[in-house]
Protein backbone atom coordinates (compact mmCIF):
# COMPACT_ATOMS: atom_id res chain seq x y z
CA MET A 1 0.00 0.00 0.00
CA ALA A 2 1.35 3.41 -0.99
CA LYS A 3 2.47 5.69 1.80
CA GLU A 4 0.65 8.99 2.05
CA LYS A 5 2.82 12.10 1.93
CA GLN A 6 2.84 14.54 4.80
CA PRO A 7 1.03 17.84 4.20
CA THR A 8 3.08 20.92 3.54
CA LYS A 9 3.94 22.77 6.74
CA ILE A 10 3.63 26.52 7.14
CA LYS A 11 4.79 28.91 9.78
CA LYS A 12 2.29 30.35 12.19
CA GLN A 13 1.84 34.11 12.05
CA SER A 14 3.22 36.12 14.97
CA LYS A 15 0.82 36.95 17.78
CA GLY A 16 -0.71 40.36 18.23
CA LEU A 17 -0.77 42.65 21.22
CA SER A 18 -1.56 41.06 24.60
CA ALA A 19 -4.92 42.20 25.98
CA ALA A 20 -3.63 41.87 29.56
CA LEU A 21 -0.79 44.30 28.89
CA VAL A 22 -3.20 46.70 27.19
CA ILE A 23 -5.55 46.67 30.19
CA VAL A 24 -2.71 47.24 32.69
CA ALA A 25 -1.26 50.10 30.63
CA SER A 26 -4.74 51.58 30.19
CA PHE A 27 -5.37 51.43 33.95
CA VAL A 28 -2.13 53.30 34.71
CA THR A 29 -3.01 55.88 32.06
CA ALA A 30 -6.55 56.19 33.42
CA LEU A 31 -5.24 56.88 36.94
CA LEU A 32 -2.94 59.59 35.61
CA ILE A 33 -5.78 61.19 33.64
CA TYR A 34 -8.15 60.98 36.61
CA ASN A 35 -5.72 62.53 39.10
CA PHE A 36 -3.89 65.08 36.96
CA VAL A 37 -6.41 66.07 34.30
CA PHE A 38 -9.84 65.61 35.84
CA GLY A 39 -8.48 66.24 39.35
CA ASN A 40 -6.47 69.33 38.41
CA PRO A 41 -6.95 71.87 41.26
CA ALA A 42 -7.75 74.55 38.66
CA ASN A 43 -11.05 72.75 38.02
CA PHE A 44 -12.34 73.37 41.56
CA ILE A 45 -13.37 76.17 43.87
CA ASP A 46 -10.35 77.61 45.72
CA ASN A 47 -8.10 75.25 43.73
CA ASN A 48 -9.05 72.43 46.07
CA PRO A 49 -10.29 69.10 44.61
CA GLU A 50 -12.14 68.50 47.87
CA ASN A 51 -14.44 71.40 47.01
CA HIS A 52 -17.13 71.45 44.36
CA PRO A 53 -16.17 71.93 40.68
CA LEU A 54 -16.25 75.39 39.20
CA GLN A 55 -19.56 76.18 37.57
CA GLY A 56 -19.68 74.62 34.11
CA ASN A 57 -16.33 72.85 34.54
CA MET A 58 -16.85 69.41 32.98
CA LEU A 59 -13.44 67.98 33.97
CA GLY A 60 -14.06 68.68 37.63
CA THR A 61 -17.55 67.23 37.35
CA ILE A 62 -16.12 64.01 35.88
CA TYR A 63 -13.61 63.87 38.75
CA LYS A 64 -16.51 63.92 41.19
CA GLY A 65 -17.75 60.73 39.56
CA GLY A 66 -15.61 58.89 42.10
CA PHE A 67 -13.37 55.85 42.00
CA VAL A 68 -15.47 54.15 39.31
CA VAL A 69 -14.36 56.74 36.74
CA PRO A 70 -10.76 55.43 36.40
CA ILE A 71 -12.14 51.91 35.92
CA LEU A 72 -14.49 53.09 33.18
CA VAL A 73 -11.71 55.09 31.52
CA THR A 74 -9.58 51.93 31.65
CA TRP A 75 -12.26 49.96 29.76
CA LEU A 76 -12.68 52.80 27.28
CA LEU A 77 -8.94 53.12 26.57
CA SER A 78 -8.61 49.34 26.32
CA VAL A 79 -11.39 49.17 23.73
CA ILE A 80 -9.78 51.94 21.68
CA VAL A 81 -6.30 50.38 21.77
CA LEU A 82 -7.55 46.86 21.00
CA SER A 83 -9.69 48.21 18.17
CA VAL A 84 -6.66 49.86 16.58
CA GLU A 85 -4.61 46.69 17.16
CA ARG A 86 -7.27 44.52 15.47
CA PHE A 87 -7.48 46.95 12.55
CA ILE A 88 -3.75 46.65 11.93
CA ALA A 89 -3.64 42.89 12.52
CA LEU A 90 -6.58 42.07 10.24
CA ASN A 91 -5.29 44.32 7.47
CA ARG A 92 -2.02 42.40 7.73
CA CYS A 93 -3.97 39.15 7.48
CA ARG A 94 -5.78 40.37 4.36
CA GLY A 95 -2.50 41.19 2.68
CA LYS A 96 -1.19 44.10 0.64
CA GLY A 97 -3.64 44.27 -2.24
CA SER A 98 -7.39 43.90 -2.71
CA LEU A 99 -8.53 40.55 -1.32
CA ASP A 100 -11.30 40.20 -3.91
CA ASN A 101 -8.85 40.80 -6.76
CA PHE A 102 -6.39 38.33 -5.22
CA VAL A 103 -9.05 35.61 -5.02
CA ALA A 104 -10.15 36.23 -8.62
CA ASN A 105 -6.58 36.27 -9.94
CA VAL A 106 -5.60 33.07 -8.13
CA LYS A 107 -8.69 31.28 -9.45
CA GLN A 108 -7.82 32.48 -12.95
CA LYS A 109 -4.26 31.11 -12.61
CA LEU A 110 -5.63 27.81 -11.32
CA GLU A 111 -7.99 27.44 -14.29
CA ALA A 112 -4.99 27.96 -16.56
CA GLU A 113 -2.97 25.49 -14.41
CA ASP A 114 -0.37 28.21 -13.87
CA ILE A 115 0.55 27.09 -10.36
CA GLN A 116 3.82 29.01 -10.37
CA GLY A 117 1.95 32.19 -11.33
CA ALA A 118 -0.51 31.63 -8.49
CA LYS A 119 2.36 31.19 -6.04
CA GLU A 120 3.90 34.45 -7.27
CA LEU A 121 0.58 36.19 -6.55
CA CYS A 122 0.74 34.79 -3.01
CA ALA A 123 4.29 36.10 -2.58
CA LYS A 124 3.13 39.58 -3.60
CA GLN A 125 -0.08 39.55 -1.56
CA LYS A 126 1.37 38.23 1.71
CA GLY A 127 -0.84 37.86 4.78
CA SER A 128 -2.80 34.96 6.21
CA VAL A 129 -4.93 34.26 3.13
CA ALA A 130 -1.88 34.15 0.90
CA ALA A 131 -0.04 31.90 3.39
CA VAL A 132 -2.90 29.37 3.40
CA VAL A 133 -3.23 29.44 -0.39
CA ASP A 134 0.52 29.09 -0.87
CA ALA A 135 0.58 26.04 1.40
CA GLY A 136 -2.27 24.49 -0.58
CA LEU A 137 -0.56 25.20 -3.89
CA LYS A 138 2.68 23.57 -2.72
CA THR A 139 0.81 20.41 -1.78
CA TYR A 140 -1.05 20.63 -5.11
CA GLU A 141 2.29 20.56 -6.91
CA GLN A 142 3.53 17.68 -4.79
CA MET A 143 0.43 15.63 -5.49
CA ALA A 144 0.41 16.49 -9.20
CA ASN A 145 4.02 15.29 -9.55
CA ASP A 146 3.58 12.31 -7.23
CA THR A 147 4.96 9.00 -8.53
CA THR A 148 4.40 6.86 -5.44
CA GLY A 149 1.05 5.57 -6.64
CA LEU A 150 -1.25 7.46 -4.29
CA LEU A 151 -4.94 7.24 -5.11
CA LYS A 152 -6.70 10.38 -6.31
CA GLU A 153 -8.76 10.48 -3.12
CA GLN A 154 -5.58 10.35 -1.03
CA LYS A 155 -4.09 13.24 -2.99
CA LEU A 156 -7.22 15.33 -2.56
CA ALA A 157 -7.23 14.47 1.14
CA ALA A 158 -3.61 15.63 1.42
CA ILE A 159 -4.44 18.97 -0.22
CA ASN A 160 -7.50 19.46 2.00
CA THR A 161 -5.49 18.56 5.11
CA THR A 162 -2.84 21.13 4.25
CA ILE A 163 -5.42 23.88 3.71
CA GLU A 164 -7.27 23.01 6.91
CA GLN A 165 -4.06 22.86 8.93
CA ALA A 166 -2.86 26.19 7.54
CA THR A 167 -6.24 27.79 8.25
CA ALA A 168 -6.25 26.43 11.80
CA LEU A 169 -2.85 28.04 12.40
CA GLU A 170 -4.03 31.42 11.10
CA MET A 171 -7.44 31.64 12.79
CA PRO A 172 -6.12 32.25 16.35
CA THR A 173 -4.19 35.26 15.05
CA MET A 174 -7.31 36.68 13.42
CA ASN A 175 -9.55 36.01 16.44
CA GLN A 176 -7.07 37.20 19.05
CA ASN A 177 -8.53 39.80 21.46
CA MET A 178 -12.01 39.45 19.94
CA PRO A 179 -13.39 37.73 23.09
CA VAL A 180 -11.99 40.62 25.14
CA LEU A 181 -13.82 43.17 22.98
CA ALA A 182 -16.99 41.09 23.34
CA THR A 183 -16.56 41.11 27.13
CA PHE A 184 -16.21 44.90 27.20
CA THR A 185 -19.59 45.30 25.46
CA ASN A 186 -21.27 44.23 28.71
CA LEU A 187 -18.57 44.94 31.28
CA SER A 188 -18.38 48.64 30.50
CA VAL A 189 -22.15 49.10 30.73
CA LEU A 190 -22.40 47.11 33.97
CA THR A 191 -19.53 49.06 35.54
CA GLY A 192 -21.22 52.30 34.53
CA LEU A 193 -24.48 51.05 36.07
CA PHE A 194 -22.62 50.26 39.30
CA GLY A 195 -21.27 53.82 39.38
CA THR A 196 -24.75 55.15 38.64
CA VAL A 197 -26.18 53.30 41.63
CA LEU A 198 -23.45 54.69 43.89
CA GLY A 199 -24.16 58.21 42.65
CA MET A 200 -27.89 57.86 43.25
CA ILE A 201 -27.21 56.55 46.75
CA ARG A 202 -25.16 59.69 47.44
CA ALA A 203 -27.89 61.88 45.96
CA PHE A 204 -30.62 60.34 48.12
CA ALA A 205 -28.35 60.56 51.16
CA ALA A 206 -28.06 64.31 50.51
CA LEU A 207 -31.85 64.55 50.35
CA GLY A 208 -32.20 62.87 53.73
CA SER A 209 -29.57 64.87 55.57
CA GLY A 210 -29.26 68.39 56.86
CA GLY A 211 -32.33 68.53 59.10
CA GLY A 212 -35.10 70.40 57.37
CA GLY A 213 -33.05 71.61 54.39
CA VAL A 214 -31.54 69.94 51.38
CA ASP A 215 -27.81 70.04 50.69
CA SER A 216 -28.15 71.10 47.05
CA ALA A 217 -24.39 70.93 46.44
CA ALA A 218 -24.12 67.36 47.74
CA LEU A 219 -27.24 66.45 45.79
CA SER A 220 -25.77 67.82 42.56
CA VAL A 221 -22.52 65.94 43.16
CA GLY A 222 -24.42 62.69 43.61
CA ILE A 223 -26.43 63.22 40.44
CA ALA A 224 -23.28 64.21 38.54
CA GLU A 225 -21.54 61.04 39.73
CA ALA A 226 -24.45 58.95 38.51
CA LEU A 227 -24.65 60.62 35.09
CA VAL A 228 -20.87 60.67 34.50
CA ASN A 229 -20.57 56.97 35.20
CA THR A 230 -23.60 56.23 33.04
CA GLY A 231 -22.13 58.21 30.17
CA PHE A 232 -18.71 56.56 30.31
CA GLY A 233 -20.28 53.11 30.62
CA ILE A 234 -22.51 53.59 27.58
CA LEU A 235 -19.66 55.09 25.53
CA GLY A 236 -17.27 52.22 26.27
CA GLY A 237 -19.95 49.59 25.63
CA ALA A 238 -21.07 51.21 22.37
CA LEU A 239 -17.52 51.41 21.01
CA ALA A 240 -16.90 47.78 21.98
CA VAL A 241 -20.08 46.62 20.20
CA ILE A 242 -19.19 48.55 17.04
CA ALA A 243 -15.60 47.27 17.02
CA TYR A 244 -16.59 43.65 17.70
CA ASN A 245 -19.22 43.52 14.96
CA TYR A 246 -17.00 45.32 12.46
CA TYR A 247 -14.01 43.04 12.98
CA SER A 248 -16.17 39.91 13.13
CA ALA A 249 -17.42 40.80 9.64
CA LYS A 250 -13.83 41.30 8.44
CA ILE A 251 -12.79 37.91 9.84
CA ASP A 252 -15.76 36.29 8.10
CA ASN A 253 -14.73 37.87 4.79
CA ILE A 254 -11.19 36.53 5.20
CA SER A 255 -12.53 33.06 6.05
CA TYR A 256 -14.81 33.11 3.00
CA ALA A 257 -11.86 34.03 0.77
CA ILE A 258 -9.81 31.12 2.14
CA ASP A 259 -12.71 28.70 1.65
CA GLU A 260 -13.36 29.94 -1.89
CA ILE A 261 -9.78 29.44 -3.02
CA GLY A 262 -9.54 26.15 -1.13
CA PHE A 263 -12.55 24.80 -3.06
CA ALA A 264 -11.03 26.09 -6.28
CA ILE A 265 -7.72 24.32 -5.65
CA THR A 266 -9.33 20.95 -4.91
CA GLY A 267 -11.83 21.38 -7.74
CA VAL A 268 -9.15 22.06 -10.32
CA PHE A 269 -7.03 19.16 -9.09
CA GLN A 270 -9.99 16.79 -9.23
CA SER A 271 -10.86 17.78 -12.79
CA ARG A 272 -7.31 17.89 -14.20
CA HIS A 273 -5.50 15.01 -12.46
């Protein structure tokens, strides 16, 4: 019985930015922003952060949002950084040129059985799609020139195995940090809701204190804390939802391109060999 050849091996793409490092760096940055920008003494009466913010001063009002604000800013900064990181990483996965044109050109080369020309297109395109296609084309060549007596089904299986293995190596790179973005869609909103509850507790405490009168300043601080935290929570969650859906669609497009060319490679081999 003929021995089946091993599928062509490819190198795994380098990993992207670590989400843990991004969150830690964002937290440090958020603390600096909270203490030195929002908590700048110039934003408060008598240049004292313990006092109420100057009338109409938004930075001081945000500072009065309390300890939840740096956490929310951390989530917001993390979403922004990870969104930029995914944009760069997925563009690298797509390659240098138009992905649609690359798919069409490779299929055209395959129909003409110009395997070398298709491999040259992969070398120019680069990226994850090109890496998977190049691996499949190399196995295609090996199977087309095989003299060991492998059955046609075995050759097709070898090509499919190579494409599947190459795709499996590339998918973690494309999906990296996507679960983190998905987590932030809810985490940011829930953290903002937690801050809102704390602010409302402070506001109601101001209503119930002071004997017969109402401490209007303390009441306004409590309401401001609630609204600031609500605003930051919604902003972070909205950006996370937009980023996650946008990049999920891009990953799907890349996967479809890989599948399309993979079917073309096996189809051409089956009809010509």
